[in-house]
Amino acid sequence: MGNNKFLIPANSKKSMLYLSFFNLTDLIIFGTGVGLSFIFLIAIRSNDLVTSILILLPALVAAFLVIPIPNHHNIRTFIGNVYSYFAKRRTYFWKGWCNSYVEENK
């Protein structure tokens, strides 16, 4: 017992999230989308399917962005990771243990 080995549970970060899935930004996005759809639902009279879908579109888009997915927090962070991968610099410089043995390419 004295060797200071600790077992950290895999879900230790979930205690920092609301309902174990959402952070504050996710709740703001979802609340704003649902709120806009609710305001549109009250303000706009809809008699056809296309208008009803357009009224519900903010809530559907917001719900799509905050759906949790495996290996990422949610779809919003996945889209951000894909964007940063394609938009940022992808030249990686070697900083390993044998860095002094590698000749520089000129």
PDB file of N, CA and C in Angstrom:
ATOM      1  N   MET A   1       0.805  -1.213   0.000  1.00  0.00           N
ATOM      2  CA  MET A   1       0.000   0.000   0.000  1.00  0.00           C
ATOM      3  C   MET A   1       0.842   1.268   0.000  1.00  0.00           C
ATOM      4  N   GLY A   2       2.088   1.185   0.336  1.00  0.00           N
ATOM      5  CA  GLY A   2       2.904   2.376   0.470  1.00  0.00           C
ATOM      6  C   GLY A   2       3.573   2.808  -0.818  1.00  0.00           C
ATOM      7  N   ASN A   3       3.250   2.212  -1.963  1.00  0.00           N
ATOM      8  CA  ASN A   3       3.927   2.564  -3.206  1.00  0.00           C
ATOM      9  C   ASN A   3       3.230   3.674  -3.990  1.00  0.00           C
ATOM     10  N   ASN A   4       2.238   4.326  -3.420  1.00  0.00           N
ATOM     11  CA  ASN A   4       1.554   5.495  -3.996  1.00  0.00           C
ATOM     12  C   ASN A   4       0.974   5.234  -5.382  1.00  0.00           C
ATOM     13  N   LYS A   5       0.380   4.100  -5.613  1.00  0.00           N
ATOM     14  CA  LYS A   5      -0.316   3.824  -6.872  1.00  0.00           C
ATOM     15  C   LYS A   5      -1.803   4.060  -6.642  1.00  0.00           C
ATOM     16  N   PHE A   6      -2.379   4.923  -7.482  1.00  0.00           N
ATOM     17  CA  PHE A   6      -3.779   5.287  -7.343  1.00  0.00           C
ATOM     18  C   PHE A   6      -4.548   4.814  -8.568  1.00  0.00           C
ATOM     19  N   LEU A   7      -5.762   4.408  -8.348  1.00  0.00           N
ATOM     20  CA  LEU A   7      -6.638   4.017  -9.445  1.00  0.00           C
ATOM     21  C   LEU A   7      -7.649   5.132  -9.663  1.00  0.00           C
ATOM     22  N   ILE A   8      -7.589   5.752 -10.839  1.00  0.00           N
ATOM     23  CA  ILE A   8      -8.499   6.852 -11.156  1.00  0.00           C
ATOM     24  C   ILE A   8      -9.608   6.288 -12.035  1.00  0.00           C
ATOM     25  N   PRO A   9     -10.875   6.466 -11.647  1.00  0.00           N
ATOM     26  CA  PRO A   9     -11.965   5.930 -12.468  1.00  0.00           C
ATOM     27  C   PRO A   9     -12.042   6.630 -13.825  1.00  0.00           C
ATOM     28  N   ALA A  10     -12.520   5.909 -14.821  1.00  0.00           N
ATOM     29  CA  ALA A  10     -12.579   6.432 -16.192  1.00  0.00           C
ATOM     30  C   ALA A  10     -13.557   7.595 -16.318  1.00  0.00           C
ATOM     31  N   ASN A  11     -14.559   7.653 -15.468  1.00  0.00           N
ATOM     32  CA  ASN A  11     -15.565   8.710 -15.582  1.00  0.00           C
ATOM     33  C   ASN A  11     -15.336   9.824 -14.567  1.00  0.00           C
ATOM     34  N   SER A  12     -14.109  10.089 -14.166  1.00  0.00           N
ATOM     35  CA  SER A  12     -13.853  11.104 -13.146  1.00  0.00           C
ATOM     36  C   SER A  12     -14.140  12.508 -13.644  1.00  0.00           C
ATOM     37  N   LYS A  13     -14.070  12.766 -14.936  1.00  0.00           N
ATOM     38  CA  LYS A  13     -14.359  14.090 -15.483  1.00  0.00           C
ATOM     39  C   LYS A  13     -15.861  14.348 -15.617  1.00  0.00           C
ATOM     40  N   LYS A  14     -16.678  13.298 -15.585  1.00  0.00           N
ATOM     41  CA  LYS A  14     -18.119  13.486 -15.754  1.00  0.00           C
ATOM     42  C   LYS A  14     -18.738  14.258 -14.605  1.00  0.00           C
ATOM     43  N   SER A  15     -18.086  14.296 -13.452  1.00  0.00           N
ATOM     44  CA  SER A  15     -18.634  15.050 -12.326  1.00  0.00           C
ATOM     45  C   SER A  15     -18.567  16.553 -12.569  1.00  0.00           C
ATOM     46  N   MET A  16     -17.764  16.982 -13.535  1.00  0.00           N
ATOM     47  CA  MET A  16     -17.647  18.397 -13.858  1.00  0.00           C
ATOM     48  C   MET A  16     -18.701  18.842 -14.874  1.00  0.00           C
ATOM     49  N   LEU A  17     -19.492  17.915 -15.400  1.00  0.00           N
ATOM     50  CA  LEU A  17     -20.490  18.207 -16.425  1.00  0.00           C
ATOM     51  C   LEU A  17     -21.894  18.165 -15.838  1.00  0.00           C
ATOM     52  N   TYR A  18     -22.814  18.903 -16.446  1.00  0.00           N
ATOM     53  CA  TYR A  18     -24.206  18.872 -16.040  1.00  0.00           C
ATOM     54  C   TYR A  18     -24.849  17.613 -16.621  1.00  0.00           C
ATOM     55  N   LEU A  19     -25.561  16.866 -15.807  1.00  0.00           N
ATOM     56  CA  LEU A  19     -26.196  15.608 -16.196  1.00  0.00           C
ATOM     57  C   LEU A  19     -25.175  14.621 -16.772  1.00  0.00           C
ATOM     58  N   SER A  20     -23.914  14.765 -16.405  1.00  0.00           N
ATOM     59  CA  SER A  20     -22.784  13.929 -16.837  1.00  0.00           C
ATOM     60  C   SER A  20     -22.510  13.979 -18.330  1.00  0.00           C
ATOM     61  N   PHE A  21     -23.119  14.894 -19.070  1.00  0.00           N
ATOM     62  CA  PHE A  21     -22.905  14.976 -20.514  1.00  0.00           C
ATOM     63  C   PHE A  21     -22.637  16.375 -21.037  1.00  0.00           C
ATOM     64  N   PHE A  22     -23.179  17.422 -20.409  1.00  0.00           N
ATOM     65  CA  PHE A  22     -23.191  18.750 -21.007  1.00  0.00           C
ATOM     66  C   PHE A  22     -22.396  19.737 -20.161  1.00  0.00           C
ATOM     67  N   ASN A  23     -21.654  20.634 -20.837  1.00  0.00           N
ATOM     68  CA  ASN A  23     -21.039  21.741 -20.127  1.00  0.00           C
ATOM     69  C   ASN A  23     -21.926  22.979 -20.300  1.00  0.00           C
ATOM     70  N   LEU A  24     -21.498  24.097 -19.750  1.00  0.00           N
ATOM     71  CA  LEU A  24     -22.341  25.302 -19.756  1.00  0.00           C
ATOM     72  C   LEU A  24     -22.591  25.797 -21.182  1.00  0.00           C
ATOM     73  N   THR A  25     -21.586  25.743 -22.041  1.00  0.00           N
ATOM     74  CA  THR A  25     -21.761  26.184 -23.435  1.00  0.00           C
ATOM     75  C   THR A  25     -22.800  25.335 -24.152  1.00  0.00           C
ATOM     76  N   ASP A  26     -22.779  24.033 -23.917  1.00  0.00           N
ATOM     77  CA  ASP A  26     -23.770  23.150 -24.543  1.00  0.00           C
ATOM     78  C   ASP A  26     -25.180  23.504 -24.099  1.00  0.00           C
ATOM     79  N   LEU A  27     -25.349  23.766 -22.814  1.00  0.00           N
ATOM     80  CA  LEU A  27     -26.682  24.118 -22.316  1.00  0.00           C
ATOM     81  C   LEU A  27     -27.153  25.461 -22.856  1.00  0.00           C
ATOM     82  N   ILE A  28     -26.236  26.412 -23.024  1.00  0.00           N
ATOM     83  CA  ILE A  28     -26.608  27.716 -23.587  1.00  0.00           C
ATOM     84  C   ILE A  28     -27.035  27.548 -25.045  1.00  0.00           C
ATOM     85  N   ILE A  29     -26.288  26.764 -25.817  1.00  0.00           N
ATOM     86  CA  ILE A  29     -26.642  26.535 -27.225  1.00  0.00           C
ATOM     87  C   ILE A  29     -28.001  25.843 -27.321  1.00  0.00           C
ATOM     88  N   PHE A  30     -28.202  24.798 -26.540  1.00  0.00           N
ATOM     89  CA  PHE A  30     -29.469  24.069 -26.597  1.00  0.00           C
ATOM     90  C   PHE A  30     -30.631  24.938 -26.113  1.00  0.00           C
ATOM     91  N   GLY A  31     -30.433  25.672 -25.038  1.00  0.00           N
ATOM     92  CA  GLY A  31     -31.488  26.548 -24.524  1.00  0.00           C
ATOM     93  C   GLY A  31     -31.860  27.652 -25.504  1.00  0.00           C
ATOM     94  N   THR A  32     -30.866  28.219 -26.175  1.00  0.00           N
ATOM     95  CA  THR A  32     -31.129  29.260 -27.159  1.00  0.00           C
ATOM     96  C   THR A  32     -31.913  28.704 -28.353  1.00  0.00           C
ATOM     97  N   GLY A  33     -31.522  27.525 -28.830  1.00  0.00           N
ATOM     98  CA  GLY A  33     -32.239  26.917 -29.955  1.00  0.00           C
ATOM     99  C   GLY A  33     -33.669  26.581 -29.609  1.00  0.00           C
ATOM    100  N   VAL A  34     -33.886  25.998 -28.433  1.00  0.00           N
ATOM    101  CA  VAL A  34     -35.247  25.660 -28.009  1.00  0.00           C
ATOM    102  C   VAL A  34     -36.057  26.927 -27.753  1.00  0.00           C
ATOM    103  N   GLY A  35     -35.428  27.942 -27.170  1.00  0.00           N
ATOM    104  CA  GLY A  35     -36.117  29.210 -26.919  1.00  0.00           C
ATOM    105  C   GLY A  35     -36.554  29.894 -28.204  1.00  0.00           C
ATOM    106  N   LEU A  36     -35.669  29.933 -29.197  1.00  0.00           N
ATOM    107  CA  LEU A  36     -36.030  30.528 -30.488  1.00  0.00           C
ATOM    108  C   LEU A  36     -37.170  29.756 -31.152  1.00  0.00           C
ATOM    109  N   SER A  37     -37.090  28.442 -31.100  1.00  0.00           N
ATOM    110  CA  SER A  37     -38.175  27.643 -31.692  1.00  0.00           C
ATOM    111  C   SER A  37     -39.497  27.884 -30.975  1.00  0.00           C
ATOM    112  N   PHE A  38     -39.442  28.017 -29.658  1.00  0.00           N
ATOM    113  CA  PHE A  38     -40.663  28.283 -28.894  1.00  0.00           C
ATOM    114  C   PHE A  38     -41.242  29.654 -29.244  1.00  0.00           C
ATOM    115  N   ILE A  39     -40.379  30.664 -29.366  1.00  0.00           N
ATOM    116  CA  ILE A  39     -40.851  32.001 -29.751  1.00  0.00           C
ATOM    117  C   ILE A  39     -41.449  31.970 -31.155  1.00  0.00           C
ATOM    118  N   PHE A  40     -40.781  31.285 -32.085  1.00  0.00           N
ATOM    119  CA  PHE A  40     -41.327  31.165 -33.443  1.00  0.00           C
ATOM    120  C   PHE A  40     -42.640  30.407 -33.453  1.00  0.00           C
ATOM    121  N   LEU A  41     -42.754  29.405 -32.601  1.00  0.00           N
ATOM    122  CA  LEU A  41     -43.982  28.616 -32.530  1.00  0.00           C
ATOM    123  C   LEU A  41     -45.166  29.467 -32.072  1.00  0.00           C
ATOM    124  N   ILE A  42     -44.897  30.365 -31.132  1.00  0.00           N
ATOM    125  CA  ILE A  42     -45.959  31.253 -30.647  1.00  0.00           C
ATOM    126  C   ILE A  42     -46.263  32.354 -31.659  1.00  0.00           C
ATOM    127  N   ALA A  43     -45.224  32.919 -32.297  1.00  0.00           N
ATOM    128  CA  ALA A  43     -45.394  34.092 -33.153  1.00  0.00           C
ATOM    129  C   ALA A  43     -45.879  33.761 -34.562  1.00  0.00           C
ATOM    130  N   ILE A  44     -45.545  32.586 -35.065  1.00  0.00           N
ATOM    131  CA  ILE A  44     -45.860  32.267 -36.461  1.00  0.00           C
ATOM    132  C   ILE A  44     -46.924  31.177 -36.512  1.00  0.00           C
ATOM    133  N   ARG A  45     -47.968  31.435 -37.253  1.00  0.00           N
ATOM    134  CA  ARG A  45     -49.018  30.433 -37.441  1.00  0.00           C
ATOM    135  C   ARG A  45     -48.612  29.529 -38.593  1.00  0.00           C
ATOM    136  N   SER A  46     -48.582  28.244 -38.310  1.00  0.00           N
ATOM    137  CA  SER A  46     -48.146  27.305 -39.351  1.00  0.00           C
ATOM    138  C   SER A  46     -49.295  26.370 -39.724  1.00  0.00           C
ATOM    139  N   ASN A  47     -49.515  26.256 -41.014  1.00  0.00           N
ATOM    140  CA  ASN A  47     -50.550  25.363 -41.521  1.00  0.00           C
ATOM    141  C   ASN A  47     -49.991  24.254 -42.389  1.00  0.00           C
ATOM    142  N   ASP A  48     -48.706  24.330 -42.721  1.00  0.00           N
ATOM    143  CA  ASP A  48     -48.123  23.305 -43.572  1.00  0.00           C
ATOM    144  C   ASP A  48     -46.856  22.742 -42.935  1.00  0.00           C
ATOM    145  N   LEU A  49     -46.385  21.659 -43.476  1.00  0.00           N
ATOM    146  CA  LEU A  49     -45.251  20.926 -42.927  1.00  0.00           C
ATOM    147  C   LEU A  49     -43.942  21.700 -43.057  1.00  0.00           C
ATOM    148  N   VAL A  50     -43.746  22.394 -44.159  1.00  0.00           N
ATOM    149  CA  VAL A  50     -42.499  23.127 -44.387  1.00  0.00           C
ATOM    150  C   VAL A  50     -42.326  24.237 -43.358  1.00  0.00           C
ATOM    151  N   THR A  51     -43.375  24.984 -43.070  1.00  0.00           N
ATOM    152  CA  THR A  51     -43.303  26.049 -42.066  1.00  0.00           C
ATOM    153  C   THR A  51     -43.045  25.464 -40.679  1.00  0.00           C
ATOM    154  N   SER A  52     -43.657  24.352 -40.365  1.00  0.00           N
ATOM    155  CA  SER A  52     -43.432  23.714 -39.065  1.00  0.00           C
ATOM    156  C   SER A  52     -41.988  23.253 -38.914  1.00  0.00           C
ATOM    157  N   ILE A  53     -41.420  22.703 -39.978  1.00  0.00           N
ATOM    158  CA  ILE A  53     -40.018  22.286 -39.921  1.00  0.00           C
ATOM    159  C   ILE A  53     -39.094  23.487 -39.776  1.00  0.00           C
ATOM    160  N   LEU A  54     -39.395  24.579 -40.475  1.00  0.00           N
ATOM    161  CA  LEU A  54     -38.585  25.790 -40.343  1.00  0.00           C
ATOM    162  C   LEU A  54     -38.683  26.385 -38.938  1.00  0.00           C
ATOM    163  N   ILE A  55     -39.841  26.282 -38.314  1.00  0.00           N
ATOM    164  CA  ILE A  55     -40.002  26.770 -36.950  1.00  0.00           C
ATOM    165  C   ILE A  55     -39.179  25.925 -35.980  1.00  0.00           C
ATOM    166  N   LEU A  56     -39.147  24.630 -36.178  1.00  0.00           N
ATOM    167  CA  LEU A  56     -38.409  23.732 -35.292  1.00  0.00           C
ATOM    168  C   LEU A  56     -36.922  23.620 -35.622  1.00  0.00           C
ATOM    169  N   LEU A  57     -36.485  24.215 -36.721  1.00  0.00           N
ATOM    170  CA  LEU A  57     -35.106  24.091 -37.161  1.00  0.00           C
ATOM    171  C   LEU A  57     -34.071  24.569 -36.139  1.00  0.00           C
ATOM    172  N   PRO A  58     -34.246  25.707 -35.442  1.00  0.00           N
ATOM    173  CA  PRO A  58     -33.240  26.091 -34.441  1.00  0.00           C
ATOM    174  C   PRO A  58     -33.065  25.053 -33.333  1.00  0.00           C
ATOM    175  N   ALA A  59     -34.150  24.470 -32.866  1.00  0.00           N
ATOM    176  CA  ALA A  59     -34.054  23.449 -31.819  1.00  0.00           C
ATOM    177  C   ALA A  59     -33.406  22.179 -32.353  1.00  0.00           C
ATOM    178  N   LEU A  60     -33.702  21.805 -33.579  1.00  0.00           N
ATOM    179  CA  LEU A  60     -33.112  20.601 -34.159  1.00  0.00           C
ATOM    180  C   LEU A  60     -31.615  20.762 -34.388  1.00  0.00           C
ATOM    181  N   VAL A  61     -31.194  21.932 -34.875  1.00  0.00           N
ATOM    182  CA  VAL A  61     -29.768  22.186 -35.095  1.00  0.00           C
ATOM    183  C   VAL A  61     -29.027  22.216 -33.764  1.00  0.00           C
ATOM    184  N   ALA A  62     -29.601  22.887 -32.762  1.00  0.00           N
ATOM    185  CA  ALA A  62     -28.959  22.954 -31.442  1.00  0.00           C
ATOM    186  C   ALA A  62     -28.854  21.564 -30.815  1.00  0.00           C
ATOM    187  N   ALA A  63     -29.903  20.761 -30.940  1.00  0.00           N
ATOM    188  CA  ALA A  63     -29.856  19.404 -30.398  1.00  0.00           C
ATOM    189  C   ALA A  63     -28.826  18.557 -31.134  1.00  0.00           C
ATOM    190  N   PHE A  64     -28.702  18.731 -32.444  1.00  0.00           N
ATOM    191  CA  PHE A  64     -27.704  17.999 -33.218  1.00  0.00           C
ATOM    192  C   PHE A  64     -26.286  18.348 -32.767  1.00  0.00           C
ATOM    193  N   LEU A  65     -26.034  19.639 -32.461  1.00  0.00           N
ATOM    194  CA  LEU A  65     -24.691  20.066 -32.070  1.00  0.00           C
ATOM    195  C   LEU A  65     -24.270  19.540 -30.706  1.00  0.00           C
ATOM    196  N   VAL A  66     -25.202  19.321 -29.790  1.00  0.00           N
ATOM    197  CA  VAL A  66     -24.831  18.923 -28.428  1.00  0.00           C
ATOM    198  C   VAL A  66     -25.046  17.435 -28.151  1.00  0.00           C
ATOM    199  N   ILE A  67     -25.352  16.637 -29.181  1.00  0.00           N
ATOM    200  CA  ILE A  67     -25.496  15.187 -28.993  1.00  0.00           C
ATOM    201  C   ILE A  67     -24.125  14.600 -28.656  1.00  0.00           C
ATOM    202  N   PRO A  68     -23.999  13.864 -27.558  1.00  0.00           N
ATOM    203  CA  PRO A  68     -22.710  13.228 -27.244  1.00  0.00           C
ATOM    204  C   PRO A  68     -22.388  12.100 -28.229  1.00  0.00           C
ATOM    205  N   ILE A  69     -21.104  12.016 -28.604  1.00  0.00           N
ATOM    206  CA  ILE A  69     -20.649  10.949 -29.490  1.00  0.00           C
ATOM    207  C   ILE A  69     -19.404  10.308 -28.877  1.00  0.00           C
ATOM    208  N   PRO A  70     -19.115   9.062 -29.225  1.00  0.00           N
ATOM    209  CA  PRO A  70     -17.928   8.382 -28.680  1.00  0.00           C
ATOM    210  C   PRO A  70     -16.637   9.041 -29.151  1.00  0.00           C
ATOM    211  N   ASN A  71     -15.632   9.021 -28.292  1.00  0.00           N
ATOM    212  CA  ASN A  71     -14.281   9.532 -28.544  1.00  0.00           C
ATOM    213  C   ASN A  71     -14.199  11.048 -28.693  1.00  0.00           C
ATOM    214  N   HIS A  72     -15.294  11.758 -28.575  1.00  0.00           N
ATOM    215  CA  HIS A  72     -15.328  13.216 -28.573  1.00  0.00           C
ATOM    216  C   HIS A  72     -16.382  13.618 -27.549  1.00  0.00           C
ATOM    217  N   HIS A  73     -16.367  14.908 -27.158  1.00  0.00           N
ATOM    218  CA  HIS A  73     -17.381  15.349 -26.200  1.00  0.00           C
ATOM    219  C   HIS A  73     -18.760  15.362 -26.849  1.00  0.00           C
ATOM    220  N   ASN A  74     -18.855  16.048 -27.972  1.00  0.00           N
ATOM    221  CA  ASN A  74     -20.116  16.072 -28.728  1.00  0.00           C
ATOM    222  C   ASN A  74     -19.811  16.446 -30.176  1.00  0.00           C
ATOM    223  N   ILE A  75     -20.832  16.619 -30.983  1.00  0.00           N
ATOM    224  CA  ILE A  75     -20.636  16.898 -32.403  1.00  0.00           C
ATOM    225  C   ILE A  75     -20.016  18.280 -32.600  1.00  0.00           C
ATOM    226  N   ARG A  76     -20.335  19.227 -31.728  1.00  0.00           N
ATOM    227  CA  ARG A  76     -19.758  20.570 -31.835  1.00  0.00           C
ATOM    228  C   ARG A  76     -18.240  20.519 -31.684  1.00  0.00           C
ATOM    229  N   THR A  77     -17.731  19.789 -30.711  1.00  0.00           N
ATOM    230  CA  THR A  77     -16.279  19.691 -30.539  1.00  0.00           C
ATOM    231  C   THR A  77     -15.646  18.859 -31.654  1.00  0.00           C
ATOM    232  N   PHE A  78     -16.357  17.867 -32.174  1.00  0.00           N
ATOM    233  CA  PHE A  78     -15.844  17.095 -33.308  1.00  0.00           C
ATOM    234  C   PHE A  78     -15.669  17.995 -34.532  1.00  0.00           C
ATOM    235  N   ILE A  79     -16.663  18.831 -34.815  1.00  0.00           N
ATOM    236  CA  ILE A  79     -16.561  19.757 -35.947  1.00  0.00           C
ATOM    237  C   ILE A  79     -15.410  20.733 -35.722  1.00  0.00           C
ATOM    238  N   GLY A  80     -15.227  21.199 -34.499  1.00  0.00           N
ATOM    239  CA  GLY A  80     -14.098  22.088 -34.192  1.00  0.00           C
ATOM    240  C   GLY A  80     -12.759  21.407 -34.378  1.00  0.00           C
ATOM    241  N   ASN A  81     -12.653  20.138 -33.987  1.00  0.00           N
ATOM    242  CA  ASN A  81     -11.404  19.397 -34.177  1.00  0.00           C
ATOM    243  C   ASN A  81     -11.109  19.167 -35.652  1.00  0.00           C
ATOM    244  N   VAL A  82     -12.124  18.831 -36.439  1.00  0.00           N
ATOM    245  CA  VAL A  82     -11.933  18.633 -37.876  1.00  0.00           C
ATOM    246  C   VAL A  82     -11.511  19.939 -38.526  1.00  0.00           C
ATOM    247  N   TYR A  83     -12.143  21.040 -38.145  1.00  0.00           N
ATOM    248  CA  TYR A  83     -11.775  22.348 -38.703  1.00  0.00           C
ATOM    249  C   TYR A  83     -10.336  22.713 -38.350  1.00  0.00           C
ATOM    250  N   SER A  84      -9.960  22.537 -37.088  1.00  0.00           N
ATOM    251  CA  SER A  84      -8.592  22.901 -36.702  1.00  0.00           C
ATOM    252  C   SER A  84      -7.562  21.998 -37.365  1.00  0.00           C
ATOM    253  N   TYR A  85      -7.903  20.747 -37.637  1.00  0.00           N
ATOM    254  CA  TYR A  85      -6.984  19.858 -38.340  1.00  0.00           C
ATOM    255  C   TYR A  85      -6.726  20.343 -39.760  1.00  0.00           C
ATOM    256  N   PHE A  86      -7.766  20.746 -40.467  1.00  0.00           N
ATOM    257  CA  PHE A  86      -7.593  21.166 -41.848  1.00  0.00           C
ATOM    258  C   PHE A  86      -7.153  22.626 -41.980  1.00  0.00           C
ATOM    259  N   ALA A  87      -7.424  23.472 -40.995  1.00  0.00           N
ATOM    260  CA  ALA A  87      -7.118  24.893 -41.119  1.00  0.00           C
ATOM    261  C   ALA A  87      -5.779  25.277 -40.502  1.00  0.00           C
ATOM    262  N   LYS A  88      -5.265  24.521 -39.568  1.00  0.00           N
ATOM    263  CA  LYS A  88      -4.018  24.875 -38.882  1.00  0.00           C
ATOM    264  C   LYS A  88      -2.816  24.275 -39.590  1.00  0.00           C
ATOM    265  N   ARG A  89      -1.663  24.696 -39.157  1.00  0.00           N
ATOM    266  CA  ARG A  89      -0.400  24.209 -39.703  1.00  0.00           C
ATOM    267  C   ARG A  89      -0.203  22.751 -39.326  1.00  0.00           C
ATOM    268  N   ARG A  90       0.207  21.932 -40.280  1.00  0.00           N
ATOM    269  CA  ARG A  90       0.423  20.513 -40.013  1.00  0.00           C
ATOM    270  C   ARG A  90       1.861  20.107 -40.268  1.00  0.00           C
ATOM    271  N   THR A  91       2.795  20.999 -40.041  1.00  0.00           N
ATOM    272  CA  THR A  91       4.205  20.659 -40.119  1.00  0.00           C
ATOM    273  C   THR A  91       4.682  20.440 -38.703  1.00  0.00           C
ATOM    274  N   TYR A  92       5.087  19.229 -38.400  1.00  0.00           N
ATOM    275  CA  TYR A  92       5.481  18.879 -37.051  1.00  0.00           C
ATOM    276  C   TYR A  92       7.003  18.796 -36.985  1.00  0.00           C
ATOM    277  N   PHE A  93       7.594  19.433 -35.996  1.00  0.00           N
ATOM    278  CA  PHE A  93       9.033  19.442 -35.823  1.00  0.00           C
ATOM    279  C   PHE A  93       9.424  18.385 -34.805  1.00  0.00           C
ATOM    280  N   TRP A  94      10.431  17.620 -35.125  1.00  0.00           N
ATOM    281  CA  TRP A  94      10.888  16.547 -34.262  1.00  0.00           C
ATOM    282  C   TRP A  94      11.616  17.132 -33.065  1.00  0.00           C
ATOM    283  N   LYS A  95      11.195  16.774 -31.881  1.00  0.00           N
ATOM    284  CA  LYS A  95      11.822  17.226 -30.641  1.00  0.00           C
ATOM    285  C   LYS A  95      12.128  16.021 -29.767  1.00  0.00           C
ATOM    286  N   GLY A  96      12.453  14.904 -30.361  1.00  0.00           N
ATOM    287  CA  GLY A  96      12.662  13.674 -29.620  1.00  0.00           C
ATOM    288  C   GLY A  96      14.029  13.587 -28.977  1.00  0.00           C
ATOM    289  N   TRP A  97      14.348  12.421 -28.468  1.00  0.00           N
ATOM    290  CA  TRP A  97      15.588  12.219 -27.739  1.00  0.00           C
ATOM    291  C   TRP A  97      16.816  12.268 -28.639  1.00  0.00           C
ATOM    292  N   CYS A  98      16.643  12.044 -29.945  1.00  0.00           N
ATOM    293  CA  CYS A  98      17.796  12.081 -30.844  1.00  0.00           C
ATOM    294  C   CYS A  98      17.741  13.303 -31.750  1.00  0.00           C
ATOM    295  N   ASN A  99      17.195  14.400 -31.264  1.00  0.00           N
ATOM    296  CA  ASN A  99      17.060  15.614 -32.046  1.00  0.00           C
ATOM    297  C   ASN A  99      18.422  16.150 -32.464  1.00  0.00           C
ATOM    298  N   SER A 100      19.448  16.031 -31.628  1.00  0.00           N
ATOM    299  CA  SER A 100      20.750  16.583 -31.954  1.00  0.00           C
ATOM    300  C   SER A 100      21.469  15.763 -33.031  1.00  0.00           C
ATOM    301  N   TYR A 101      20.994  14.540 -33.314  1.00  0.00           N
ATOM    302  CA  TYR A 101      21.624  13.682 -34.304  1.00  0.00           C
ATOM    303  C   TYR A 101      21.021  13.849 -35.693  1.00  0.00           C
ATOM    304  N   VAL A 102      19.903  14.565 -35.804  1.00  0.00           N
ATOM    305  CA  VAL A 102      19.227  14.725 -37.083  1.00  0.00           C
ATOM    306  C   VAL A 102      19.765  15.963 -37.771  1.00  0.00           C
ATOM    307  N   GLU A 103      20.166  15.824 -39.038  1.00  0.00           N
ATOM    308  CA  GLU A 103      20.655  16.975 -39.769  1.00  0.00           C
ATOM    309  C   GLU A 103      19.465  17.800 -40.262  1.00  0.00           C
ATOM    310  N   GLU A 104      19.641  19.093 -40.272  1.00  0.00           N
ATOM    311  CA  GLU A 104      18.580  19.970 -40.734  1.00  0.00           C
ATOM    312  C   GLU A 104      18.511  19.939 -42.262  1.00  0.00           C
ATOM    313  N   ASN A 105      17.301  19.883 -42.785  1.00  0.00           N
ATOM    314  CA  ASN A 105      17.096  19.932 -44.230  1.00  0.00           C
ATOM    315  C   ASN A 105      17.125  21.372 -44.686  1.00  0.00           C
ATOM    316  N   LYS A 106      18.016  21.666 -45.623  1.00  0.00           N
ATOM    317  CA  LYS A 106      18.130  23.059 -46.085  1.00  0.00           C
ATOM    318  C   LYS A 106      17.639  23.193 -47.504  1.00  0.00           C
TER     319      LYS A 106
END
